[in-house]
Structures are given as C-alpha cells and as structure tokens.
Amino acid sequence: MSAEQQAAFETALVEDFDSIAAKLSEVDVRKAECRNPKDTEQILGELEREVGLTECNKAVFGLLRAALAGQGRAALERMEPAERATSNLINQLGGLLQGQGDLDGAEALHR
C-alpha cells in the first residue's frame, strides 16, 4: 500500500470504522472467481469437501478482523496523545476487540 493509500485508509478508520467492519462481513468465498471457471469450481469444491465453505468464511473473516484490529492499533499509536484520547477509533476498536473475545485488549485501550 502506498503512503497515500495508507493515509486514506487511516482516515477511513477514524471516520468510518463501522462501514469498513461491515464490508468485511460481506466477504464470502462462494463469490470468489478465477479466470478459468473450471478452476473456480475445482477450488470451491475442494474447500467444501476439506474444510466447508462456512468454516472457510469464518476463518477468512477472523483473519480480516484481526488485520483490521492491527491497523486500528497502529493508527492509534501514530496519533498525538491528545488526538488519541478523543478519537472515536478507540471505542470502535475496543468494540471490535471485545467482539473477538480480546477483553484485555479492549480494556487496555481505555486506560
């Protein structure tokens, strides 16, 4: 990601965290496509047989949420203390962490 893209993403984290988190929940491996439709069919069939598409979606969603939490933490660390103290990102990230079961991480944001 370029520096410009990173800056735009951090702005979106602060100003529109909920819509980013909501978009992540729309990810569905069933919608994945390859250039060759037969490859798509083969890959999805293998996933269904070996893992299950629902379980695969759960794993992908968990990884995306973890990445979002990491980006949120990094954005908070780069903020000046006064800005961080009043940033809505703290509450949004705390809610995400709480939803992931990371109660200690969520609580640490409010100290």
N, C-alpha and C. Protein backbone atom coordinates (compact mmCIF):
# COMPACT_ATOMS: atom_id res chain seq x y z
N MET A 1 0.86 -1.17 0.00
CA MET A 1 0.00 0.00 0.00
C MET A 1 0.90 1.23 0.00
N SER A 2 0.60 2.15 -0.87
CA SER A 2 1.41 3.37 -0.94
C SER A 2 1.15 4.23 0.31
N ALA A 3 2.02 5.21 0.54
CA ALA A 3 1.84 6.11 1.69
C ALA A 3 0.52 6.86 1.57
N GLU A 4 0.16 7.24 0.36
CA GLU A 4 -1.10 7.95 0.14
C GLU A 4 -2.30 7.05 0.44
N GLN A 5 -2.23 5.81 0.00
CA GLN A 5 -3.31 4.86 0.28
C GLN A 5 -3.40 4.57 1.78
N GLN A 6 -2.26 4.46 2.44
CA GLN A 6 -2.26 4.21 3.88
C GLN A 6 -2.90 5.37 4.62
N ALA A 7 -2.56 6.58 4.22
CA ALA A 7 -3.15 7.76 4.87
C ALA A 7 -4.65 7.80 4.66
N ALA A 8 -5.11 7.49 3.45
CA ALA A 8 -6.55 7.48 3.18
C ALA A 8 -7.24 6.39 3.99
N PHE A 9 -6.59 5.24 4.12
CA PHE A 9 -7.17 4.15 4.90
C PHE A 9 -7.27 4.54 6.37
N GLU A 10 -6.23 5.18 6.90
CA GLU A 10 -6.27 5.60 8.31
C GLU A 10 -7.36 6.64 8.54
N THR A 11 -7.55 7.53 7.59
CA THR A 11 -8.65 8.49 7.70
C THR A 11 -9.98 7.76 7.75
N ALA A 12 -10.14 6.77 6.88
CA ALA A 12 -11.37 5.98 6.87
C ALA A 12 -11.54 5.21 8.18
N LEU A 13 -10.44 4.70 8.74
CA LEU A 13 -10.53 4.00 10.03
C LEU A 13 -11.14 4.90 11.10
N VAL A 14 -10.67 6.13 11.13
CA VAL A 14 -11.13 7.07 12.16
C VAL A 14 -12.55 7.55 11.88
N GLU A 15 -12.84 7.84 10.62
CA GLU A 15 -14.11 8.47 10.28
C GLU A 15 -15.22 7.48 9.94
N ASP A 16 -14.87 6.26 9.54
CA ASP A 16 -15.90 5.34 9.05
C ASP A 16 -15.57 3.88 9.38
N PHE A 17 -15.11 3.65 10.59
CA PHE A 17 -14.69 2.31 11.02
C PHE A 17 -15.81 1.29 10.85
N ASP A 18 -17.03 1.67 11.22
CA ASP A 18 -18.14 0.72 11.17
C ASP A 18 -18.41 0.21 9.76
N SER A 19 -18.30 1.08 8.76
CA SER A 19 -18.57 0.61 7.40
C SER A 19 -17.45 -0.31 6.91
N ILE A 20 -16.22 -0.08 7.35
CA ILE A 20 -15.13 -0.99 6.99
C ILE A 20 -15.39 -2.36 7.62
N ALA A 21 -15.72 -2.37 8.89
CA ALA A 21 -16.01 -3.64 9.58
C ALA A 21 -17.20 -4.34 8.93
N ALA A 22 -18.22 -3.58 8.54
CA ALA A 22 -19.40 -4.17 7.89
C ALA A 22 -19.03 -4.79 6.54
N LYS A 23 -18.18 -4.10 5.78
CA LYS A 23 -17.76 -4.64 4.48
C LYS A 23 -17.02 -5.97 4.65
N LEU A 24 -16.24 -6.08 5.71
CA LEU A 24 -15.53 -7.33 5.94
C LEU A 24 -16.51 -8.49 6.12
N SER A 25 -17.64 -8.23 6.74
CA SER A 25 -18.62 -9.29 6.97
C SER A 25 -19.31 -9.74 5.69
N GLU A 26 -19.13 -8.99 4.60
CA GLU A 26 -19.73 -9.36 3.33
C GLU A 26 -18.86 -10.31 2.51
N VAL A 27 -17.63 -10.55 2.98
CA VAL A 27 -16.74 -11.45 2.26
C VAL A 27 -17.33 -12.85 2.29
N ASP A 28 -17.35 -13.49 1.13
CA ASP A 28 -17.89 -14.83 1.01
C ASP A 28 -17.07 -15.58 -0.03
N VAL A 29 -16.42 -16.66 0.38
CA VAL A 29 -15.59 -17.41 -0.57
C VAL A 29 -16.41 -17.96 -1.72
N ARG A 30 -17.70 -18.13 -1.52
CA ARG A 30 -18.56 -18.64 -2.60
C ARG A 30 -18.59 -17.67 -3.80
N LYS A 31 -18.25 -16.41 -3.54
CA LYS A 31 -18.26 -15.39 -4.60
C LYS A 31 -16.91 -15.26 -5.29
N ALA A 32 -15.92 -16.01 -4.84
CA ALA A 32 -14.58 -15.93 -5.42
C ALA A 32 -14.62 -16.43 -6.86
N GLU A 33 -13.80 -15.81 -7.69
CA GLU A 33 -13.74 -16.20 -9.09
C GLU A 33 -12.29 -16.32 -9.55
N CYS A 34 -12.06 -17.25 -10.43
CA CYS A 34 -10.77 -17.40 -11.10
C CYS A 34 -10.99 -17.04 -12.57
N ARG A 35 -9.90 -16.80 -13.27
CA ARG A 35 -10.03 -16.55 -14.71
C ARG A 35 -10.72 -17.71 -15.41
N ASN A 36 -10.33 -18.89 -15.02
CA ASN A 36 -10.90 -20.09 -15.62
C ASN A 36 -12.03 -20.58 -14.71
N PRO A 37 -13.28 -20.58 -15.19
CA PRO A 37 -14.40 -21.04 -14.37
C PRO A 37 -14.22 -22.45 -13.81
N LYS A 38 -13.52 -23.31 -14.54
CA LYS A 38 -13.28 -24.67 -14.03
C LYS A 38 -12.40 -24.64 -12.79
N ASP A 39 -11.44 -23.71 -12.76
CA ASP A 39 -10.60 -23.56 -11.57
C ASP A 39 -11.45 -23.13 -10.37
N THR A 40 -12.35 -22.20 -10.60
CA THR A 40 -13.24 -21.74 -9.52
C THR A 40 -14.03 -22.92 -8.98
N GLU A 41 -14.61 -23.69 -9.87
CA GLU A 41 -15.41 -24.86 -9.48
C GLU A 41 -14.57 -25.86 -8.70
N GLN A 42 -13.35 -26.12 -9.19
CA GLN A 42 -12.47 -27.09 -8.54
C GLN A 42 -12.04 -26.61 -7.15
N ILE A 43 -11.65 -25.35 -7.05
CA ILE A 43 -11.19 -24.81 -5.76
C ILE A 43 -12.32 -24.79 -4.74
N LEU A 44 -13.49 -24.30 -5.15
CA LEU A 44 -14.62 -24.25 -4.22
C LEU A 44 -15.06 -25.66 -3.82
N GLY A 45 -15.00 -26.59 -4.76
CA GLY A 45 -15.35 -27.97 -4.43
C GLY A 45 -14.39 -28.56 -3.41
N GLU A 46 -13.11 -28.29 -3.61
CA GLU A 46 -12.09 -28.78 -2.67
C GLU A 46 -12.29 -28.16 -1.28
N LEU A 47 -12.53 -26.86 -1.26
CA LEU A 47 -12.79 -26.19 0.03
C LEU A 47 -14.00 -26.79 0.72
N GLU A 48 -15.05 -27.01 -0.02
CA GLU A 48 -16.27 -27.57 0.56
C GLU A 48 -16.01 -28.95 1.14
N ARG A 49 -15.29 -29.78 0.41
CA ARG A 49 -15.02 -31.16 0.86
C ARG A 49 -14.07 -31.20 2.06
N GLU A 50 -13.03 -30.38 2.02
CA GLU A 50 -11.98 -30.48 3.03
C GLU A 50 -12.22 -29.63 4.27
N VAL A 51 -12.81 -28.47 4.10
CA VAL A 51 -12.96 -27.53 5.21
C VAL A 51 -14.42 -27.18 5.45
N GLY A 52 -15.14 -27.01 4.36
CA GLY A 52 -16.51 -26.50 4.43
C GLY A 52 -16.47 -25.01 4.14
N LEU A 53 -17.33 -24.56 3.25
CA LEU A 53 -17.31 -23.15 2.85
C LEU A 53 -17.65 -22.23 4.02
N THR A 54 -18.54 -22.64 4.88
CA THR A 54 -18.88 -21.82 6.04
C THR A 54 -17.69 -21.68 6.97
N GLU A 55 -16.98 -22.77 7.22
CA GLU A 55 -15.80 -22.72 8.08
C GLU A 55 -14.70 -21.89 7.44
N CYS A 56 -14.56 -22.00 6.14
CA CYS A 56 -13.55 -21.20 5.44
C CYS A 56 -13.90 -19.71 5.57
N ASN A 57 -15.18 -19.38 5.40
CA ASN A 57 -15.60 -17.98 5.56
C ASN A 57 -15.31 -17.48 6.97
N LYS A 58 -15.55 -18.32 7.97
CA LYS A 58 -15.27 -17.93 9.35
C LYS A 58 -13.79 -17.63 9.54
N ALA A 59 -12.95 -18.49 8.97
CA ALA A 59 -11.50 -18.30 9.10
C ALA A 59 -11.06 -17.02 8.40
N VAL A 60 -11.54 -16.80 7.18
CA VAL A 60 -11.17 -15.59 6.44
C VAL A 60 -11.66 -14.36 7.18
N PHE A 61 -12.89 -14.39 7.65
CA PHE A 61 -13.44 -13.24 8.37
C PHE A 61 -12.63 -12.96 9.63
N GLY A 62 -12.24 -14.00 10.35
CA GLY A 62 -11.42 -13.81 11.55
C GLY A 62 -10.07 -13.17 11.23
N LEU A 63 -9.46 -13.62 10.15
CA LEU A 63 -8.17 -13.05 9.75
C LEU A 63 -8.32 -11.58 9.32
N LEU A 64 -9.39 -11.27 8.61
CA LEU A 64 -9.62 -9.89 8.20
C LEU A 64 -9.89 -8.99 9.40
N ARG A 65 -10.65 -9.48 10.36
CA ARG A 65 -10.92 -8.69 11.58
C ARG A 65 -9.64 -8.47 12.37
N ALA A 66 -8.79 -9.49 12.43
CA ALA A 66 -7.51 -9.34 13.13
C ALA A 66 -6.64 -8.31 12.43
N ALA A 67 -6.64 -8.33 11.10
CA ALA A 67 -5.86 -7.34 10.35
C ALA A 67 -6.42 -5.93 10.58
N LEU A 68 -7.74 -5.81 10.62
CA LEU A 68 -8.36 -4.51 10.89
C LEU A 68 -7.99 -4.02 12.29
N ALA A 69 -7.99 -4.91 13.26
CA ALA A 69 -7.59 -4.53 14.62
C ALA A 69 -6.14 -4.07 14.63
N GLY A 70 -5.28 -4.76 13.91
CA GLY A 70 -3.88 -4.36 13.84
C GLY A 70 -3.70 -3.00 13.21
N GLN A 71 -4.43 -2.73 12.15
CA GLN A 71 -4.37 -1.42 11.50
C GLN A 71 -4.91 -0.33 12.43
N GLY A 72 -5.96 -0.65 13.16
CA GLY A 72 -6.52 0.32 14.11
C GLY A 72 -5.55 0.64 15.23
N ARG A 73 -4.91 -0.38 15.76
CA ARG A 73 -3.90 -0.16 16.82
C ARG A 73 -2.75 0.70 16.30
N ALA A 74 -2.29 0.37 15.10
CA ALA A 74 -1.17 1.13 14.53
C ALA A 74 -1.56 2.58 14.30
N ALA A 75 -2.78 2.81 13.84
CA ALA A 75 -3.24 4.18 13.61
C ALA A 75 -3.31 4.95 14.93
N LEU A 76 -3.78 4.29 15.98
CA LEU A 76 -3.83 4.95 17.29
C LEU A 76 -2.43 5.29 17.80
N GLU A 77 -1.49 4.39 17.59
CA GLU A 77 -0.12 4.63 18.06
C GLU A 77 0.53 5.82 17.35
N ARG A 78 0.13 6.09 16.13
CA ARG A 78 0.71 7.20 15.39
C ARG A 78 0.06 8.55 15.73
N MET A 79 -1.05 8.52 16.46
CA MET A 79 -1.73 9.76 16.83
C MET A 79 -1.02 10.44 17.99
N GLU A 80 -1.13 11.74 18.01
CA GLU A 80 -0.66 12.51 19.17
C GLU A 80 -1.55 12.12 20.36
N PRO A 81 -1.00 12.13 21.58
CA PRO A 81 -1.78 11.72 22.74
C PRO A 81 -3.12 12.44 22.89
N ALA A 82 -3.15 13.74 22.65
CA ALA A 82 -4.41 14.49 22.80
C ALA A 82 -5.44 14.04 21.77
N GLU A 83 -4.98 13.81 20.55
CA GLU A 83 -5.90 13.35 19.50
C GLU A 83 -6.39 11.94 19.80
N ARG A 84 -5.48 11.10 20.24
CA ARG A 84 -5.84 9.72 20.56
C ARG A 84 -6.88 9.66 21.67
N ALA A 85 -6.71 10.50 22.68
CA ALA A 85 -7.62 10.47 23.83
C ALA A 85 -9.06 10.78 23.45
N THR A 86 -9.26 11.53 22.39
CA THR A 86 -10.61 11.89 21.99
C THR A 86 -11.06 11.21 20.70
N SER A 87 -10.24 10.33 20.18
CA SER A 87 -10.56 9.68 18.92
C SER A 87 -11.66 8.63 19.09
N ASN A 88 -12.61 8.66 18.18
CA ASN A 88 -13.67 7.66 18.17
C ASN A 88 -13.12 6.28 17.86
N LEU A 89 -11.94 6.23 17.25
CA LEU A 89 -11.33 4.95 16.90
C LEU A 89 -11.10 4.07 18.12
N ILE A 90 -10.83 4.68 19.26
CA ILE A 90 -10.63 3.89 20.49
C ILE A 90 -11.87 3.07 20.79
N ASN A 91 -13.03 3.70 20.76
CA ASN A 91 -14.28 2.99 21.05
C ASN A 91 -14.59 1.94 19.99
N GLN A 92 -14.38 2.30 18.73
CA GLN A 92 -14.67 1.37 17.64
C GLN A 92 -13.76 0.15 17.72
N LEU A 93 -12.47 0.38 17.92
CA LEU A 93 -11.52 -0.71 18.03
C LEU A 93 -11.80 -1.54 19.28
N GLY A 94 -12.13 -0.88 20.38
CA GLY A 94 -12.48 -1.61 21.60
C GLY A 94 -13.66 -2.54 21.39
N GLY A 95 -14.66 -2.08 20.66
CA GLY A 95 -15.82 -2.92 20.36
C GLY A 95 -15.44 -4.11 19.49
N LEU A 96 -14.57 -3.88 18.52
CA LEU A 96 -14.11 -4.97 17.66
C LEU A 96 -13.36 -6.00 18.48
N LEU A 97 -12.44 -5.53 19.32
CA LEU A 97 -11.65 -6.45 20.15
C LEU A 97 -12.55 -7.22 21.11
N GLN A 98 -13.50 -6.54 21.69
CA GLN A 98 -14.44 -7.21 22.60
C GLN A 98 -15.21 -8.29 21.84
N GLY A 99 -15.64 -7.98 20.63
CA GLY A 99 -16.35 -8.95 19.81
C GLY A 99 -15.50 -10.15 19.45
N GLN A 100 -14.20 -9.96 19.40
CA GLN A 100 -13.26 -11.05 19.11
C GLN A 100 -12.90 -11.82 20.37
N GLY A 101 -13.40 -11.37 21.51
CA GLY A 101 -13.09 -12.03 22.77
C GLY A 101 -11.82 -11.54 23.43
N ASP A 102 -11.22 -10.48 22.90
CA ASP A 102 -10.00 -9.91 23.46
C ASP A 102 -10.38 -8.82 24.46
N LEU A 103 -10.88 -9.23 25.60
CA LEU A 103 -11.35 -8.27 26.61
C LEU A 103 -10.20 -7.48 27.21
N ASP A 104 -9.05 -8.11 27.38
CA ASP A 104 -7.89 -7.40 27.92
C ASP A 104 -7.44 -6.31 26.94
N GLY A 105 -7.42 -6.63 25.67
CA GLY A 105 -7.04 -5.64 24.66
C GLY A 105 -8.00 -4.48 24.59
N ALA A 106 -9.30 -4.79 24.69
CA ALA A 106 -10.33 -3.75 24.68
C ALA A 106 -10.19 -2.85 25.90
N GLU A 107 -9.99 -3.46 27.06
CA GLU A 107 -9.85 -2.68 28.29
C GLU A 107 -8.60 -1.79 28.26
N ALA A 108 -7.51 -2.32 27.71
CA ALA A 108 -6.25 -1.56 27.67
C ALA A 108 -6.39 -0.27 26.87
N LEU A 109 -7.27 -0.25 25.89
CA LEU A 109 -7.48 0.97 25.09
C LEU A 109 -8.05 2.12 25.92
N HIS A 110 -8.74 1.78 26.97
CA HIS A 110 -9.42 2.80 27.78
C HIS A 110 -8.63 3.23 29.00
N ARG A 111 -7.39 2.77 29.11
CA ARG A 111 -6.54 3.16 30.24
C ARG A 111 -5.75 4.36 29.90
